[in-house]
Amino acid sequence: MESEYVDCASSSEFPVVFKCEGTELIGIVNYPSDATVGVVLIAGGDQYRVGSHRLFVQLARSFATAGIAVMRYDHRGIGDNRGRYGGFENTFADVAAALEKFVAEVPSLTHVVLCGLCDGASAALMAGHQLESVGGIVLINPWVHSSNLEARVRIEGYYMTRLKGKEFWKKLITGQLEVINSLLSLVGYLIHFLKSALNPERTMMRSPGYLYRMLVGLRRFKGSIMVVLSGSDLVAQEFRELLRMDERWRATVKRNQVQIVEFDNADHSFTSPEQRSTLETQIGNWVRETVNTDLKGKTI
């Protein structure tokens, strides 16, 4: 297995330990010589600092090769860390502590960008506007799940596509399909779909509270934001549906600082080497260009 730690002339990769509200946390820092730009990677769900399919290891080393410093870390209760993981909605203290340690370890930094995958992206958006040293945010397939959004995505995407396909009808006729369970699932999604279609504004007002906190973060953040969406991912599709349904989100995202990048054939964690390589390049270029042109003199 490839080691998580490396050392080379152009970039040093080393572990760090720091405290968050009395609990010791573990992180990994990639420090290219004299780096002035840094990225803090925030994992989603119960994933630890390596990231899904080692995505964060690959991103960190790619960015470091391009002269960008990187820190990836584990939340409390994740990986080797003690404490309890309270869900992505409650990770602000972890993000803030990691950012403080990162800046201390890489004193040459002048700008920092938060980058998260899935609900790690959601956590980044909720935290970014509260952290003075953050000048940019990258959201990779941000988690905006609600039962109504899922219903709309399932009905309009999954079920309509299946009904048009020959394979579905073949399985139905030959008895390979669990008809009762499929129908129950479809009826449940239809109920949510019809409720949201009849009164979309009321539906969105009843969405999970973290969606409102994310919207507040989007509105209040003064730096630049990049949103990366995969074509073969239900999480990304829910984000697209949110923009389509909710005027507040749609209007806020349309501001100039928000750039949406689509990866038509990518899955949730960019397991394709080609797609991952393109992701590394696009985010790396965006980070450097953002620092040079869009941060309006905002420094640490």
Protein backbone atom coordinates (compact mmCIF):
# COMPACT_ATOMS: atom_id res chain seq x y z
CA MET A 1 0.00 0.00 0.00
CA GLU A 2 1.20 3.51 -0.83
CA SER A 3 2.38 5.42 2.24
CA GLU A 4 0.29 8.35 3.39
CA TYR A 5 3.43 10.36 4.19
CA VAL A 6 6.06 11.50 1.68
CA ASP A 7 9.05 13.80 1.53
CA CYS A 8 10.61 15.34 -1.53
CA ALA A 9 12.67 18.38 -2.40
CA SER A 10 9.75 20.50 -3.63
CA SER A 11 7.10 19.51 -1.09
CA SER A 12 7.09 18.12 2.44
CA GLU A 13 4.17 16.03 3.72
CA PHE A 14 3.96 15.55 7.47
CA PRO A 15 1.45 14.78 10.25
CA VAL A 16 0.29 17.37 12.77
CA VAL A 17 -1.64 17.18 16.04
CA PHE A 18 -3.83 20.02 17.26
CA LYS A 19 -6.61 20.58 19.78
CA CYS A 20 -10.28 21.32 19.26
CA GLU A 21 -12.18 22.17 22.43
CA GLY A 22 -9.80 20.00 24.46
CA THR A 23 -9.73 17.02 22.08
CA GLU A 24 -6.59 16.21 20.09
CA LEU A 25 -7.10 15.92 16.33
CA ILE A 26 -4.82 14.57 13.63
CA GLY A 27 -4.07 16.21 10.29
CA ILE A 28 -1.67 15.95 7.36
CA VAL A 29 0.04 19.00 5.86
CA ASN A 30 1.57 19.27 2.40
CA TYR A 31 3.96 22.22 2.42
CA PRO A 32 5.62 23.24 -0.85
CA SER A 33 8.54 25.60 -0.35
CA ASP A 34 7.39 29.19 0.29
CA ALA A 35 3.74 28.45 -0.56
CA THR A 36 1.53 31.54 -0.24
CA VAL A 37 -1.77 29.85 -1.10
CA GLY A 38 -3.33 27.06 0.96
CA VAL A 39 -6.31 24.70 0.79
CA VAL A 40 -8.01 22.99 3.75
CA LEU A 41 -9.73 19.76 2.62
CA ILE A 42 -12.89 18.80 4.52
CA ALA A 43 -14.07 15.21 4.25
CA GLY A 44 -17.75 14.30 4.15
CA GLY A 45 -19.75 11.90 6.30
CA ASP A 46 -17.69 9.46 8.33
CA GLN A 47 -14.82 9.52 5.83
CA TYR A 48 -11.43 10.35 7.29
CA ARG A 49 -8.60 12.49 5.90
CA VAL A 50 -7.68 10.15 3.01
CA GLY A 51 -11.06 10.83 1.42
CA SER A 52 -13.38 8.58 -0.60
CA HIS A 53 -11.28 6.40 -2.92
CA ARG A 54 -8.20 8.36 -1.70
CA LEU A 55 -9.49 11.48 -3.41
CA PHE A 56 -8.01 13.85 -0.82
CA VAL A 57 -4.58 12.25 -0.92
CA GLN A 58 -4.50 12.71 -4.69
CA LEU A 59 -5.82 16.27 -4.53
CA ALA A 60 -3.34 17.24 -1.80
CA ARG A 61 -0.31 15.92 -3.66
CA SER A 62 -1.45 17.38 -6.97
CA PHE A 63 -1.98 20.82 -5.41
CA ALA A 64 1.37 20.63 -3.61
CA THR A 65 3.13 19.87 -6.90
CA ALA A 66 1.51 23.03 -8.26
CA GLY A 67 2.86 25.07 -5.31
CA ILE A 68 -0.32 25.09 -3.20
CA ALA A 69 -0.08 24.09 0.48
CA VAL A 70 -2.75 21.68 1.74
CA MET A 71 -4.10 20.43 5.06
CA ARG A 72 -6.47 17.49 5.41
CA TYR A 73 -7.64 16.35 8.82
CA ASP A 74 -10.12 14.26 10.78
CA HIS A 75 -13.08 15.64 12.69
CA ARG A 76 -13.62 14.67 16.30
CA GLY A 77 -14.78 11.05 16.51
CA ILE A 78 -13.44 10.20 13.03
CA GLY A 79 -10.38 8.09 12.16
CA ASP A 80 -7.92 7.98 15.05
CA ASN A 81 -9.52 10.89 16.91
CA ARG A 82 -11.30 10.66 20.22
CA GLY A 83 -14.54 12.45 20.95
CA ARG A 84 -17.91 12.19 19.26
CA TYR A 85 -18.73 13.07 15.68
CA GLY A 86 -21.75 15.33 15.88
CA GLY A 87 -22.56 15.36 12.17
CA PHE A 88 -21.47 17.83 9.51
CA GLU A 89 -23.86 20.46 10.87
CA ASN A 90 -21.73 20.68 14.04
CA THR A 91 -18.16 20.77 12.73
CA PHE A 92 -17.47 24.52 12.80
CA ALA A 93 -15.09 24.22 15.77
CA ASP A 94 -13.17 21.42 14.01
CA VAL A 95 -12.83 23.45 10.81
CA ALA A 96 -11.73 26.56 12.72
CA ALA A 97 -9.15 24.60 14.75
CA ALA A 98 -7.73 22.94 11.63
CA LEU A 99 -7.49 26.29 9.87
CA GLU A 100 -5.67 27.85 12.82
CA LYS A 101 -3.17 24.97 12.92
CA PHE A 102 -2.66 25.13 9.16
CA VAL A 103 -1.81 28.84 9.22
CA ALA A 104 0.59 28.25 12.13
CA GLU A 105 2.36 25.38 10.33
CA VAL A 106 2.67 27.25 7.02
CA PRO A 107 3.65 30.82 8.01
CA SER A 108 4.20 31.87 4.39
CA LEU A 109 0.45 31.62 3.65
CA THR A 110 -1.39 34.77 2.62
CA HIS A 111 -4.65 33.20 1.37
CA VAL A 112 -6.63 30.07 2.31
CA VAL A 113 -9.43 28.23 0.49
CA LEU A 114 -11.81 25.67 2.03
CA CYS A 115 -12.60 22.66 -0.16
CA GLY A 116 -15.10 19.97 0.79
CA LEU A 117 -16.81 16.93 -0.73
CA CYS A 118 -20.49 16.09 -0.13
CA ASP A 119 -21.50 17.19 3.39
CA GLY A 120 -17.89 18.30 3.90
CA ALA A 121 -18.72 20.90 1.24
CA SER A 122 -21.87 21.80 3.15
CA ALA A 123 -19.80 22.26 6.32
CA ALA A 124 -17.34 24.46 4.41
CA LEU A 125 -20.13 26.72 3.17
CA MET A 126 -21.63 27.06 6.64
CA ALA A 127 -18.24 27.89 8.16
CA GLY A 128 -16.52 30.00 5.51
CA HIS A 129 -18.19 33.35 6.15
CA GLN A 130 -17.36 33.09 9.86
CA LEU A 131 -13.61 32.65 9.33
CA GLU A 132 -11.72 35.81 8.47
CA SER A 133 -8.76 34.09 6.82
CA VAL A 134 -10.88 32.20 4.25
CA GLY A 135 -10.87 33.85 0.84
CA GLY A 136 -12.45 31.13 -1.30
CA ILE A 137 -14.60 27.98 -1.07
CA VAL A 138 -14.77 24.95 -3.37
CA LEU A 139 -17.90 22.80 -3.08
CA ILE A 140 -17.62 19.34 -4.67
CA ASN A 141 -21.07 17.75 -5.03
CA PRO A 142 -22.46 19.62 -1.98
CA TRP A 143 -25.00 17.78 0.16
CA VAL A 144 -28.40 19.55 0.08
CA HIS A 145 -30.60 16.53 0.70
CA SER A 146 -34.27 16.70 1.61
CA SER A 147 -37.06 14.16 1.05
CA ASN A 148 -38.74 16.43 -1.49
CA LEU A 149 -35.60 17.02 -3.51
CA GLU A 150 -34.88 13.30 -3.52
CA ALA A 151 -38.42 12.55 -4.69
CA ARG A 152 -38.17 14.97 -7.60
CA VAL A 153 -34.77 13.59 -8.66
CA ARG A 154 -35.98 9.99 -8.38
CA ILE A 155 -39.22 10.58 -10.29
CA GLU A 156 -37.84 12.82 -13.04
CA GLY A 157 -34.54 10.98 -13.44
CA TYR A 158 -34.49 7.41 -12.21
CA TYR A 159 -38.10 6.22 -12.64
CA MET A 160 -38.86 8.01 -15.90
CA THR A 161 -35.64 6.66 -17.40
CA ARG A 162 -36.44 3.12 -16.24
CA LEU A 163 -39.98 3.20 -17.62
CA LYS A 164 -38.61 4.12 -21.04
CA GLY A 165 -36.06 1.31 -21.03
CA LYS A 166 -36.60 -2.20 -22.41
CA GLU A 167 -34.72 -3.80 -19.51
CA PHE A 168 -37.34 -2.65 -16.98
CA TRP A 169 -40.23 -4.22 -18.90
CA LYS A 170 -38.26 -7.40 -19.50
CA LYS A 171 -37.65 -7.82 -15.77
CA LEU A 172 -41.29 -7.03 -15.03
CA ILE A 173 -42.63 -9.62 -17.49
CA THR A 174 -40.17 -12.34 -16.44
CA GLY A 175 -40.82 -11.80 -12.73
CA GLN A 176 -37.30 -10.58 -11.94
CA LEU A 177 -38.63 -7.34 -10.46
CA GLU A 178 -39.98 -7.03 -6.90
CA VAL A 179 -43.17 -5.30 -8.02
CA ILE A 180 -44.71 -4.60 -4.61
CA ASN A 181 -41.58 -3.02 -3.11
CA SER A 182 -40.95 -1.01 -6.27
CA LEU A 183 -44.53 0.27 -6.30
CA LEU A 184 -44.42 1.23 -2.62
CA SER A 185 -41.20 3.12 -3.18
CA LEU A 186 -42.65 4.86 -6.24
CA VAL A 187 -45.84 5.87 -4.39
CA GLY A 188 -43.79 7.37 -1.55
CA TYR A 189 -41.73 9.43 -3.95
CA LEU A 190 -44.87 10.49 -5.86
CA ILE A 191 -46.47 11.85 -2.67
CA HIS A 192 -43.45 14.03 -1.94
CA PHE A 193 -43.18 15.00 -5.60
CA LEU A 194 -46.81 16.16 -5.81
CA LYS A 195 -46.56 18.12 -2.54
CA SER A 196 -43.49 19.98 -3.75
CA ALA A 197 -45.01 20.57 -7.20
CA LEU A 198 -48.25 22.01 -5.78
CA ASN A 199 -46.57 24.33 -3.30
CA PRO A 200 -42.81 24.57 -3.96
CA GLU A 201 -42.25 27.66 -1.77
CA ARG A 202 -43.86 26.10 1.29
CA THR A 203 -41.99 22.87 0.61
CA MET A 204 -38.61 24.59 0.56
CA MET A 205 -39.44 26.52 3.75
CA ARG A 206 -39.85 23.16 5.48
CA SER A 207 -36.49 21.84 4.27
CA PRO A 208 -33.83 20.77 6.81
CA GLY A 209 -32.38 23.64 8.84
CA TYR A 210 -28.86 23.14 7.52
CA LEU A 211 -30.04 24.21 4.04
CA TYR A 212 -30.96 27.62 5.45
CA ARG A 213 -27.57 27.85 7.18
CA MET A 214 -25.87 27.02 3.89
CA LEU A 215 -27.87 29.72 2.12
CA VAL A 216 -26.86 32.23 4.79
CA GLY A 217 -23.24 31.18 4.29
CA LEU A 218 -23.60 31.63 0.54
CA ARG A 219 -25.07 35.10 0.96
CA ARG A 220 -22.61 36.34 3.56
CA PHE A 221 -19.37 34.97 2.17
CA LYS A 222 -17.39 37.79 0.56
CA GLY A 223 -14.87 35.69 -1.36
CA SER A 224 -15.23 33.52 -4.46
CA ILE A 225 -17.03 30.19 -4.65
CA MET A 226 -16.60 27.29 -7.07
CA VAL A 227 -19.23 24.54 -7.29
CA VAL A 228 -18.24 21.23 -8.90
CA LEU A 229 -21.08 18.92 -9.98
CA SER A 230 -20.76 15.35 -11.28
CA GLY A 231 -23.07 14.16 -14.03
CA SER A 232 -23.52 10.63 -12.64
CA ASP A 233 -24.38 11.52 -9.05
CA LEU A 234 -27.73 11.86 -7.27
CA VAL A 235 -26.22 14.27 -4.71
CA ALA A 236 -25.21 16.64 -7.50
CA GLN A 237 -28.61 16.23 -9.13
CA GLU A 238 -30.33 17.28 -5.90
CA PHE A 239 -28.23 20.46 -5.89
CA ARG A 240 -29.32 21.20 -9.47
CA GLU A 241 -32.93 20.58 -8.45
CA LEU A 242 -32.55 22.91 -5.47
CA LEU A 243 -31.42 25.71 -7.77
CA ARG A 244 -34.34 25.02 -10.08
CA MET A 245 -36.93 24.99 -7.31
CA ASP A 246 -35.73 27.69 -4.92
CA GLU A 247 -35.54 31.28 -6.15
CA ARG A 248 -33.49 32.34 -3.11
CA TRP A 249 -30.74 29.87 -3.95
CA ARG A 250 -30.97 30.56 -7.66
CA ALA A 251 -30.65 34.32 -7.23
CA THR A 252 -27.76 34.02 -4.79
CA VAL A 253 -25.79 31.58 -6.93
CA LYS A 254 -26.13 33.85 -9.96
CA ARG A 255 -23.87 36.45 -8.43
CA ASN A 256 -20.51 36.79 -10.19
CA GLN A 257 -18.40 35.10 -7.48
CA VAL A 258 -20.06 31.70 -7.92
CA GLN A 259 -18.70 29.50 -10.70
CA ILE A 260 -20.40 26.18 -11.48
CA VAL A 261 -18.32 23.52 -13.24
CA GLU A 262 -20.01 20.41 -14.66
CA PHE A 263 -18.28 17.02 -15.08
CA ASP A 264 -20.74 15.17 -17.30
CA ASN A 265 -19.49 11.60 -16.82
CA ALA A 266 -17.99 11.80 -13.31
CA ASP A 267 -19.30 9.89 -10.29
CA HIS A 268 -19.59 11.25 -6.75
CA SER A 269 -15.93 10.88 -5.71
CA PHE A 270 -14.24 11.04 -9.15
CA THR A 271 -13.01 7.45 -9.25
CA SER A 272 -12.07 7.72 -12.93
CA PRO A 273 -8.36 8.65 -13.20
CA GLU A 274 -9.09 10.90 -16.17
CA GLN A 275 -11.91 12.75 -14.41
CA ARG A 276 -9.86 13.05 -11.22
CA SER A 277 -6.89 14.48 -13.11
CA THR A 278 -9.13 17.09 -14.73
CA LEU A 279 -10.64 17.90 -11.33
CA GLU A 280 -7.18 18.42 -9.82
CA THR A 281 -6.19 20.75 -12.64
CA GLN A 282 -9.40 22.79 -12.67
CA ILE A 283 -9.53 23.35 -8.91
CA GLY A 284 -5.80 24.09 -8.74
CA ASN A 285 -6.07 26.65 -11.55
CA TRP A 286 -9.17 28.20 -9.96
CA VAL A 287 -7.46 28.54 -6.58
CA ARG A 288 -4.47 30.32 -8.09
CA GLU A 289 -6.57 32.56 -10.34
CA THR A 290 -8.93 33.40 -7.48
CA VAL A 291 -6.07 34.47 -5.26
CA ASN A 292 -4.58 36.59 -8.01
CA THR A 293 -7.72 38.31 -9.22
CA ASP A 294 -10.79 37.92 -7.00
CA LEU A 295 -9.82 38.17 -3.32
CA LYS A 296 -9.64 41.95 -3.44
CA GLY A 297 -6.62 42.22 -1.16
CA LYS A 298 -8.06 39.96 1.52
CA THR A 299 -5.13 38.30 3.29
CA ILE A 300 -4.52 36.39 6.49
